[in-house]
Amino acid sequence: FYGRSGVEGTPDNLIVRGGGRRSVQKGQTLRAV
């Protein structure tokens, strides 16, 4: 999952690996720990 956090100091593309076939859509907001 590639995305933008909008937080200063974070990359334009934050990259997170998740499980395959997870129901995630473009435009959805996720939280990563």
PDB file of all heavy atoms in Angstrom:
ATOM      1  N   PHE A   1       0.858  -1.185   0.000  1.00  0.00           N
ATOM      2  CA  PHE A   1       0.000   0.000   0.000  1.00  0.00           C
ATOM      3  C   PHE A   1       0.893   1.233   0.000  1.00  0.00           C
ATOM      4  O   PHE A   1       1.725   1.414   0.890  1.00  0.00           O
ATOM      5  CB  PHE A   1      -0.902   0.008   1.235  1.00  0.00           C
ATOM      6  CG  PHE A   1      -1.648  -1.286   1.447  1.00  0.00           C
ATOM      7  CD1 PHE A   1      -1.633  -1.925   2.682  1.00  0.00           C
ATOM      8  CD2 PHE A   1      -2.357  -1.875   0.412  1.00  0.00           C
ATOM      9  CE1 PHE A   1      -2.312  -3.105   2.876  1.00  0.00           C
ATOM     10  CE2 PHE A   1      -3.044  -3.070   0.593  1.00  0.00           C
ATOM     11  CZ  PHE A   1      -3.017  -3.688   1.830  1.00  0.00           C
ATOM     12  N   TYR A   2       0.715   2.067  -1.022  1.00  0.00           N
ATOM     13  CA  TYR A   2       1.454   3.321  -1.124  1.00  0.00           C
ATOM     14  C   TYR A   2       0.489   4.451  -0.757  1.00  0.00           C
ATOM     15  O   TYR A   2      -0.672   4.450  -1.190  1.00  0.00           O
ATOM     16  CB  TYR A   2       1.964   3.547  -2.544  1.00  0.00           C
ATOM     17  CG  TYR A   2       2.987   2.538  -3.013  1.00  0.00           C
ATOM     18  CD1 TYR A   2       2.615   1.234  -3.347  1.00  0.00           C
ATOM     19  CD2 TYR A   2       4.326   2.883  -3.138  1.00  0.00           C
ATOM     20  CE1 TYR A   2       3.560   0.309  -3.787  1.00  0.00           C
ATOM     21  CE2 TYR A   2       5.283   1.963  -3.573  1.00  0.00           C
ATOM     22  CZ  TYR A   2       4.874   0.678  -3.898  1.00  0.00           C
ATOM     23  OH  TYR A   2       5.792  -0.232  -4.323  1.00  0.00           O
ATOM     24  N   GLY A   3       0.997   5.406   0.010  1.00  0.00           N
ATOM     25  CA  GLY A   3       0.089   6.482   0.396  1.00  0.00           C
ATOM     26  C   GLY A   3       0.804   7.711   0.916  1.00  0.00           C
ATOM     27  O   GLY A   3       2.020   7.730   1.086  1.00  0.00           O
ATOM     28  N   ARG A   4       0.012   8.752   1.180  1.00  0.00           N
ATOM     29  CA  ARG A   4       0.512  10.016   1.718  1.00  0.00           C
ATOM     30  C   ARG A   4      -0.033  10.204   3.120  1.00  0.00           C
ATOM     31  O   ARG A   4      -1.231  10.028   3.357  1.00  0.00           O
ATOM     32  CB  ARG A   4       0.073  11.184   0.842  1.00  0.00           C
ATOM     33  CG  ARG A   4       0.705  11.234  -0.536  1.00  0.00           C
ATOM     34  CD  ARG A   4       0.308  12.522  -1.246  1.00  0.00           C
ATOM     35  NE  ARG A   4      -1.146  12.522  -1.500  1.00  0.00           N
ATOM     36  CZ  ARG A   4      -1.693  12.178  -2.654  1.00  0.00           C
ATOM     37  NH1 ARG A   4      -0.923  11.796  -3.653  1.00  0.00           N
ATOM     38  NH2 ARG A   4      -3.006  12.216  -2.806  1.00  0.00           N
ATOM     39  N   SER A   5       0.876  10.588   4.033  1.00  0.00           N
ATOM     40  CA  SER A   5       0.404  10.844   5.392  1.00  0.00           C
ATOM     41  C   SER A   5       0.054  12.315   5.589  1.00  0.00           C
ATOM     42  O   SER A   5      -0.711  12.659   6.487  1.00  0.00           O
ATOM     43  CB  SER A   5       1.468  10.437   6.419  1.00  0.00           C
ATOM     44  OG  SER A   5       2.541  11.342   6.383  1.00  0.00           O
ATOM     45  N   GLY A   6       0.668  13.179   4.757  1.00  0.00           N
ATOM     46  CA  GLY A   6       0.420  14.607   4.915  1.00  0.00           C
ATOM     47  C   GLY A   6       1.128  15.213   6.109  1.00  0.00           C
ATOM     48  O   GLY A   6       0.917  16.387   6.435  1.00  0.00           O
ATOM     49  N   VAL A   7       1.977  14.438   6.777  1.00  0.00           N
ATOM     50  CA  VAL A   7       2.701  14.918   7.948  1.00  0.00           C
ATOM     51  C   VAL A   7       4.096  15.354   7.516  1.00  0.00           C
ATOM     52  O   VAL A   7       4.777  14.650   6.773  1.00  0.00           O
ATOM     53  CB  VAL A   7       2.800  13.822   9.034  1.00  0.00           C
ATOM     54  CG1 VAL A   7       3.634  14.302  10.210  1.00  0.00           C
ATOM     55  CG2 VAL A   7       1.409  13.407   9.485  1.00  0.00           C
ATOM     56  N   GLU A   8       4.528  16.522   7.980  1.00  0.00           N
ATOM     57  CA  GLU A   8       5.849  17.026   7.645  1.00  0.00           C
ATOM     58  C   GLU A   8       6.926  16.024   8.098  1.00  0.00           C
ATOM     59  O   GLU A   8       6.863  15.487   9.192  1.00  0.00           O
ATOM     60  CB  GLU A   8       6.089  18.374   8.328  1.00  0.00           C
ATOM     61  CG  GLU A   8       7.393  19.030   7.942  1.00  0.00           C
ATOM     62  CD  GLU A   8       7.588  20.389   8.589  1.00  0.00           C
ATOM     63  OE1 GLU A   8       6.652  20.859   9.264  1.00  0.00           O
ATOM     64  OE2 GLU A   8       8.681  20.967   8.419  1.00  0.00           O
ATOM     65  N   GLY A   9       7.904  15.800   7.214  1.00  0.00           N
ATOM     66  CA  GLY A   9       8.985  14.877   7.537  1.00  0.00           C
ATOM     67  C   GLY A   9       8.762  13.473   7.027  1.00  0.00           C
ATOM     68  O   GLY A   9       9.659  12.632   7.116  1.00  0.00           O
ATOM     69  N   THR A  10       7.579  13.181   6.495  1.00  0.00           N
ATOM     70  CA  THR A  10       7.304  11.850   5.946  1.00  0.00           C
ATOM     71  C   THR A  10       7.478  11.881   4.428  1.00  0.00           C
ATOM     72  O   THR A  10       7.334  12.927   3.798  1.00  0.00           O
ATOM     73  CB  THR A  10       5.870  11.384   6.284  1.00  0.00           C
ATOM     74  OG1 THR A  10       4.931  12.322   5.731  1.00  0.00           O
ATOM     75  CG2 THR A  10       5.676  11.292   7.784  1.00  0.00           C
ATOM     76  N   PRO A  11       7.819  10.738   3.815  1.00  0.00           N
ATOM     77  CA  PRO A  11       8.030  10.715   2.358  1.00  0.00           C
ATOM     78  C   PRO A  11       6.720  10.914   1.603  1.00  0.00           C
ATOM     79  O   PRO A  11       5.624  10.702   2.140  1.00  0.00           O
ATOM     80  CB  PRO A  11       8.609   9.318   2.119  1.00  0.00           C
ATOM     81  CG  PRO A  11       8.141   8.497   3.273  1.00  0.00           C
ATOM     82  CD  PRO A  11       8.058   9.427   4.444  1.00  0.00           C
ATOM     83  N   ASP A  12       6.855  11.308   0.322  1.00  0.00           N
ATOM     84  CA  ASP A  12       5.667  11.482  -0.518  1.00  0.00           C
ATOM     85  C   ASP A  12       4.923  10.169  -0.683  1.00  0.00           C
ATOM     86  O   ASP A  12       3.697  10.153  -0.801  1.00  0.00           O
ATOM     87  CB  ASP A  12       6.071  12.023  -1.900  1.00  0.00           C
ATOM     88  CG  ASP A  12       6.586  13.443  -1.824  1.00  0.00           C
ATOM     89  OD1 ASP A  12       6.235  14.153  -0.865  1.00  0.00           O
ATOM     90  OD2 ASP A  12       7.365  13.837  -2.714  1.00  0.00           O
ATOM     91  N   ASN A  13       5.686   9.080  -0.710  1.00  0.00           N
ATOM     92  CA  ASN A  13       5.086   7.752  -0.812  1.00  0.00           C
ATOM     93  C   ASN A  13       5.485   6.932   0.401  1.00  0.00           C
ATOM     94  O   ASN A  13       6.612   6.452   0.495  1.00  0.00           O
ATOM     95  CB  ASN A  13       5.572   7.025  -2.083  1.00  0.00           C
ATOM     96  CG  ASN A  13       4.531   7.060  -3.185  1.00  0.00           C
ATOM     97  OD1 ASN A  13       3.335   7.143  -2.911  1.00  0.00           O
ATOM     98  ND2 ASN A  13       4.984   6.996  -4.419  1.00  0.00           N
ATOM     99  N   LEU A  14       4.575   6.799   1.338  1.00  0.00           N
ATOM    100  CA  LEU A  14       4.784   5.881   2.452  1.00  0.00           C
ATOM    101  C   LEU A  14       4.411   4.488   1.953  1.00  0.00           C
ATOM    102  O   LEU A  14       3.369   4.307   1.317  1.00  0.00           O
ATOM    103  CB  LEU A  14       3.899   6.280   3.630  1.00  0.00           C
ATOM    104  CG  LEU A  14       4.175   5.575   4.957  1.00  0.00           C
ATOM    105  CD1 LEU A  14       5.446   6.122   5.583  1.00  0.00           C
ATOM    106  CD2 LEU A  14       3.004   5.756   5.922  1.00  0.00           C
ATOM    107  N   ILE A  15       5.259   3.484   2.219  1.00  0.00           N
ATOM    108  CA  ILE A  15       5.036   2.147   1.686  1.00  0.00           C
ATOM    109  C   ILE A  15       4.851   1.172   2.840  1.00  0.00           C
ATOM    110  O   ILE A  15       5.702   1.069   3.722  1.00  0.00           O
ATOM    111  CB  ILE A  15       6.213   1.680   0.808  1.00  0.00           C
ATOM    112  CG1 ILE A  15       6.571   2.753  -0.219  1.00  0.00           C
ATOM    113  CG2 ILE A  15       5.879   0.366   0.107  1.00  0.00           C
ATOM    114  CD1 ILE A  15       7.857   2.473  -0.974  1.00  0.00           C
ATOM    115  N   VAL A  16       3.733   0.455   2.817  1.00  0.00           N
ATOM    116  CA  VAL A  16       3.398  -0.498   3.878  1.00  0.00           C
ATOM    117  C   VAL A  16       3.030  -1.823   3.222  1.00  0.00           C
ATOM    118  O   VAL A  16       2.230  -1.853   2.280  1.00  0.00           O
ATOM    119  CB  VAL A  16       2.212   0.014   4.732  1.00  0.00           C
ATOM    120  CG1 VAL A  16       1.821  -1.013   5.792  1.00  0.00           C
ATOM    121  CG2 VAL A  16       2.552   1.347   5.371  1.00  0.00           C
ATOM    122  N   ARG A  17       3.615  -2.920   3.724  1.00  0.00           N
ATOM    123  CA  ARG A  17       3.234  -4.231   3.208  1.00  0.00           C
ATOM    124  C   ARG A  17       2.121  -4.805   4.060  1.00  0.00           C
ATOM    125  O   ARG A  17       2.188  -4.771   5.291  1.00  0.00           O
ATOM    126  CB  ARG A  17       4.431  -5.190   3.216  1.00  0.00           C
ATOM    127  CG  ARG A  17       4.126  -6.499   2.479  1.00  0.00           C
ATOM    128  CD  ARG A  17       5.309  -7.430   2.455  1.00  0.00           C
ATOM    129  NE  ARG A  17       5.460  -8.126   3.737  1.00  0.00           N
ATOM    130  CZ  ARG A  17       6.415  -9.025   3.979  1.00  0.00           C
ATOM    131  NH1 ARG A  17       7.305  -9.297   3.042  1.00  0.00           N
ATOM    132  NH2 ARG A  17       6.500  -9.611   5.150  1.00  0.00           N
ATOM    133  N   GLY A  18       1.106  -5.335   3.411  1.00  0.00           N
ATOM    134  CA  GLY A  18      -0.010  -5.960   4.117  1.00  0.00           C
ATOM    135  C   GLY A  18      -0.299  -7.325   3.538  1.00  0.00           C
ATOM    136  O   GLY A  18       0.352  -7.782   2.592  1.00  0.00           O
ATOM    137  N   GLY A  19      -1.246  -8.011   4.091  1.00  0.00           N
ATOM    138  CA  GLY A  19      -1.628  -9.324   3.590  1.00  0.00           C
ATOM    139  C   GLY A  19      -2.298  -9.234   2.240  1.00  0.00           C
ATOM    140  O   GLY A  19      -2.985  -8.262   1.926  1.00  0.00           O
ATOM    141  N   GLY A  20      -2.071 -10.264   1.405  1.00  0.00           N
ATOM    142  CA  GLY A  20      -2.710 -10.296   0.107  1.00  0.00           C
ATOM    143  C   GLY A  20      -4.220 -10.418   0.229  1.00  0.00           C
ATOM    144  O   GLY A  20      -4.749 -10.944   1.202  1.00  0.00           O
ATOM    145  N   ARG A  21      -4.909  -9.871  -0.779  1.00  0.00           N
ATOM    146  CA  ARG A  21      -6.369  -9.913  -0.862  1.00  0.00           C
ATOM    147  C   ARG A  21      -7.062  -9.183   0.279  1.00  0.00           C
ATOM    148  O   ARG A  21      -8.212  -9.426   0.598  1.00  0.00           O
ATOM    149  CB  ARG A  21      -6.857 -11.370  -0.925  1.00  0.00           C
ATOM    150  CG  ARG A  21      -6.355 -12.115  -2.163  1.00  0.00           C
ATOM    151  CD  ARG A  21      -6.788 -13.569  -2.173  1.00  0.00           C
ATOM    152  NE  ARG A  21      -6.405 -14.210  -3.404  1.00  0.00           N
ATOM    153  CZ  ARG A  21      -5.185 -14.687  -3.659  1.00  0.00           C
ATOM    154  NH1 ARG A  21      -4.250 -14.591  -2.734  1.00  0.00           N
ATOM    155  NH2 ARG A  21      -4.905 -15.260  -4.808  1.00  0.00           N
ATOM    156  N   ARG A  22      -6.331  -8.291   0.938  1.00  0.00           N
ATOM    157  CA  ARG A  22      -6.954  -7.450   1.956  1.00  0.00           C
ATOM    158  C   ARG A  22      -7.812  -6.412   1.241  1.00  0.00           C
ATOM    159  O   ARG A  22      -7.401  -5.837   0.227  1.00  0.00           O
ATOM    160  CB  ARG A  22      -5.868  -6.765   2.794  1.00  0.00           C
ATOM    161  CG  ARG A  22      -6.419  -6.000   3.996  1.00  0.00           C
ATOM    162  CD  ARG A  22      -5.282  -5.281   4.717  1.00  0.00           C
ATOM    163  NE  ARG A  22      -5.784  -4.563   5.868  1.00  0.00           N
ATOM    164  CZ  ARG A  22      -5.513  -4.880   7.116  1.00  0.00           C
ATOM    165  NH1 ARG A  22      -4.756  -5.921   7.383  1.00  0.00           N
ATOM    166  NH2 ARG A  22      -6.012  -4.176   8.108  1.00  0.00           N
ATOM    167  N   SER A  23      -8.961  -6.158   1.762  1.00  0.00           N
ATOM    168  CA  SER A  23      -9.897  -5.240   1.101  1.00  0.00           C
ATOM    169  C   SER A  23      -9.505  -3.793   1.398  1.00  0.00           C
ATOM    170  O   SER A  23      -9.955  -3.184   2.364  1.00  0.00           O
ATOM    171  CB  SER A  23     -11.330  -5.504   1.589  1.00  0.00           C
ATOM    172  OG  SER A  23     -12.229  -4.641   0.934  1.00  0.00           O
ATOM    173  N   VAL A  24      -8.615  -3.262   0.552  1.00  0.00           N
ATOM    174  CA  VAL A  24      -8.154  -1.881   0.689  1.00  0.00           C
ATOM    175  C   VAL A  24      -8.353  -1.181  -0.652  1.00  0.00           C
ATOM    176  O   VAL A  24      -7.979  -1.713  -1.699  1.00  0.00           O
ATOM    177  CB  VAL A  24      -6.673  -1.814   1.115  1.00  0.00           C
ATOM    178  CG1 VAL A  24      -6.178  -0.382   1.096  1.00  0.00           C
ATOM    179  CG2 VAL A  24      -6.481  -2.428   2.498  1.00  0.00           C
ATOM    180  N   GLN A  25      -8.924  -0.008  -0.614  1.00  0.00           N
ATOM    181  CA  GLN A  25      -9.207   0.741  -1.830  1.00  0.00           C
ATOM    182  C   GLN A  25      -8.394   2.034  -1.862  1.00  0.00           C
ATOM    183  O   GLN A  25      -8.032   2.580  -0.820  1.00  0.00           O
ATOM    184  CB  GLN A  25     -10.702   1.090  -1.900  1.00  0.00           C
ATOM    185  CG  GLN A  25     -11.624  -0.100  -1.793  1.00  0.00           C
ATOM    186  CD  GLN A  25     -11.448  -1.080  -2.928  1.00  0.00           C
ATOM    187  OE1 GLN A  25     -11.206  -0.672  -4.066  1.00  0.00           O
ATOM    188  NE2 GLN A  25     -11.546  -2.371  -2.643  1.00  0.00           N
ATOM    189  N   LYS A  26      -8.124   2.512  -3.082  1.00  0.00           N
ATOM    190  CA  LYS A  26      -7.484   3.822  -3.218  1.00  0.00           C
ATOM    191  C   LYS A  26      -8.377   4.893  -2.590  1.00  0.00           C
ATOM    192  O   LYS A  26      -9.594   4.862  -2.753  1.00  0.00           O
ATOM    193  CB  LYS A  26      -7.240   4.135  -4.695  1.00  0.00           C
ATOM    194  CG  LYS A  26      -6.111   3.327  -5.302  1.00  0.00           C
ATOM    195  CD  LYS A  26      -5.790   3.762  -6.714  1.00  0.00           C
ATOM    196  CE  LYS A  26      -6.857   3.318  -7.691  1.00  0.00           C
ATOM    197  NZ  LYS A  26      -6.484   3.635  -9.083  1.00  0.00           N
ATOM    198  N   GLY A  27      -7.750   5.809  -1.886  1.00  0.00           N
ATOM    199  CA  GLY A  27      -8.490   6.864  -1.214  1.00  0.00           C
ATOM    200  C   GLY A  27      -8.845   6.538   0.232  1.00  0.00           C
ATOM    201  O   GLY A  27      -9.224   7.419   0.996  1.00  0.00           O
ATOM    202  N   GLN A  28      -8.688   5.263   0.596  1.00  0.00           N
ATOM    203  CA  GLN A  28      -8.973   4.847   1.973  1.00  0.00           C
ATOM    204  C   GLN A  28      -7.836   5.289   2.896  1.00  0.00           C
ATOM    205  O   GLN A  28      -6.677   5.325   2.499  1.00  0.00           O
ATOM    206  CB  GLN A  28      -9.124   3.326   2.016  1.00  0.00           C
ATOM    207  CG  GLN A  28      -9.538   2.756   3.355  1.00  0.00           C
ATOM    208  CD  GLN A  28      -9.759   1.247   3.274  1.00  0.00           C
ATOM    209  OE1 GLN A  28      -9.893   0.682   2.183  1.00  0.00           O
ATOM    210  NE2 GLN A  28      -9.807   0.590   4.423  1.00  0.00           N
ATOM    211  N   THR A  29      -8.185   5.650   4.128  1.00  0.00           N
ATOM    212  CA  THR A  29      -7.172   6.031   5.113  1.00  0.00           C
ATOM    213  C   THR A  29      -6.905   4.863   6.057  1.00  0.00           C
ATOM    214  O   THR A  29      -7.834   4.315   6.652  1.00  0.00           O
ATOM    215  CB  THR A  29      -7.617   7.264   5.922  1.00  0.00           C
ATOM    216  OG1 THR A  29      -7.757   8.385   5.038  1.00  0.00           O
ATOM    217  CG2 THR A  29      -6.587   7.616   6.994  1.00  0.00           C
ATOM    218  N   LEU A  30      -5.622   4.478   6.133  1.00  0.00           N
ATOM    219  CA  LEU A  30      -5.187   3.415   7.034  1.00  0.00           C
ATOM    220  C   LEU A  30      -4.253   4.000   8.088  1.00  0.00           C
ATOM    221  O   LEU A  30      -3.743   5.111   7.940  1.00  0.00           O
ATOM    222  CB  LEU A  30      -4.444   2.320   6.264  1.00  0.00           C
ATOM    223  CG  LEU A  30      -5.200   1.619   5.127  1.00  0.00           C
ATOM    224  CD1 LEU A  30      -4.269   0.634   4.429  1.00  0.00           C
ATOM    225  CD2 LEU A  30      -6.435   0.909   5.654  1.00  0.00           C
ATOM    226  N   ARG A  31      -4.031   3.225   9.159  1.00  0.00           N
ATOM    227  CA  ARG A  31      -3.050   3.617  10.168  1.00  0.00           C
ATOM    228  C   ARG A  31      -2.011   2.509  10.291  1.00  0.00           C
ATOM    229  O   ARG A  31      -2.362   1.333  10.330  1.00  0.00           O
ATOM    230  CB  ARG A  31      -3.727   3.882  11.518  1.00  0.00           C
ATOM    231  CG  ARG A  31      -4.431   5.241  11.568  1.00  0.00           C
ATOM    232  CD  ARG A  31      -5.011   5.531  12.937  1.00  0.00           C
ATOM    233  NE  ARG A  31      -5.537   6.884  13.008  1.00  0.00           N
ATOM    234  CZ  ARG A  31      -4.858   7.930  13.467  1.00  0.00           C
ATOM    235  NH1 ARG A  31      -3.604   7.767  13.903  1.00  0.00           N
ATOM    236  NH2 ARG A  31      -5.404   9.129  13.502  1.00  0.00           N
ATOM    237  N   ALA A  32      -0.740   2.915  10.342  1.00  0.00           N
ATOM    238  CA  ALA A  32       0.366   1.956  10.385  1.00  0.00           C
ATOM    239  C   ALA A  32       1.144   2.119  11.687  1.00  0.00           C
ATOM    240  O   ALA A  32       1.454   3.238  12.100  1.00  0.00           O
ATOM    241  CB  ALA A  32       1.289   2.174   9.192  1.00  0.00           C
ATOM    242  N   VAL A  33       1.470   0.990  12.309  1.00  0.00           N
ATOM    243  CA  VAL A  33       2.251   0.969  13.550  1.00  0.00           C
ATOM    244  C   VAL A  33       3.565   0.237  13.274  1.00  0.00           C
ATOM    245  O   VAL A  33       3.568  -0.853  12.691  1.00  0.00           O
ATOM    246  CB  VAL A  33       1.477   0.263  14.682  1.00  0.00           C
ATOM    247  CG1 VAL A  33       2.338   0.146  15.939  1.00  0.00           C
ATOM    248  CG2 VAL A  33       0.185   1.003  14.988  1.00  0.00           C
TER     249      VAL A  33
END
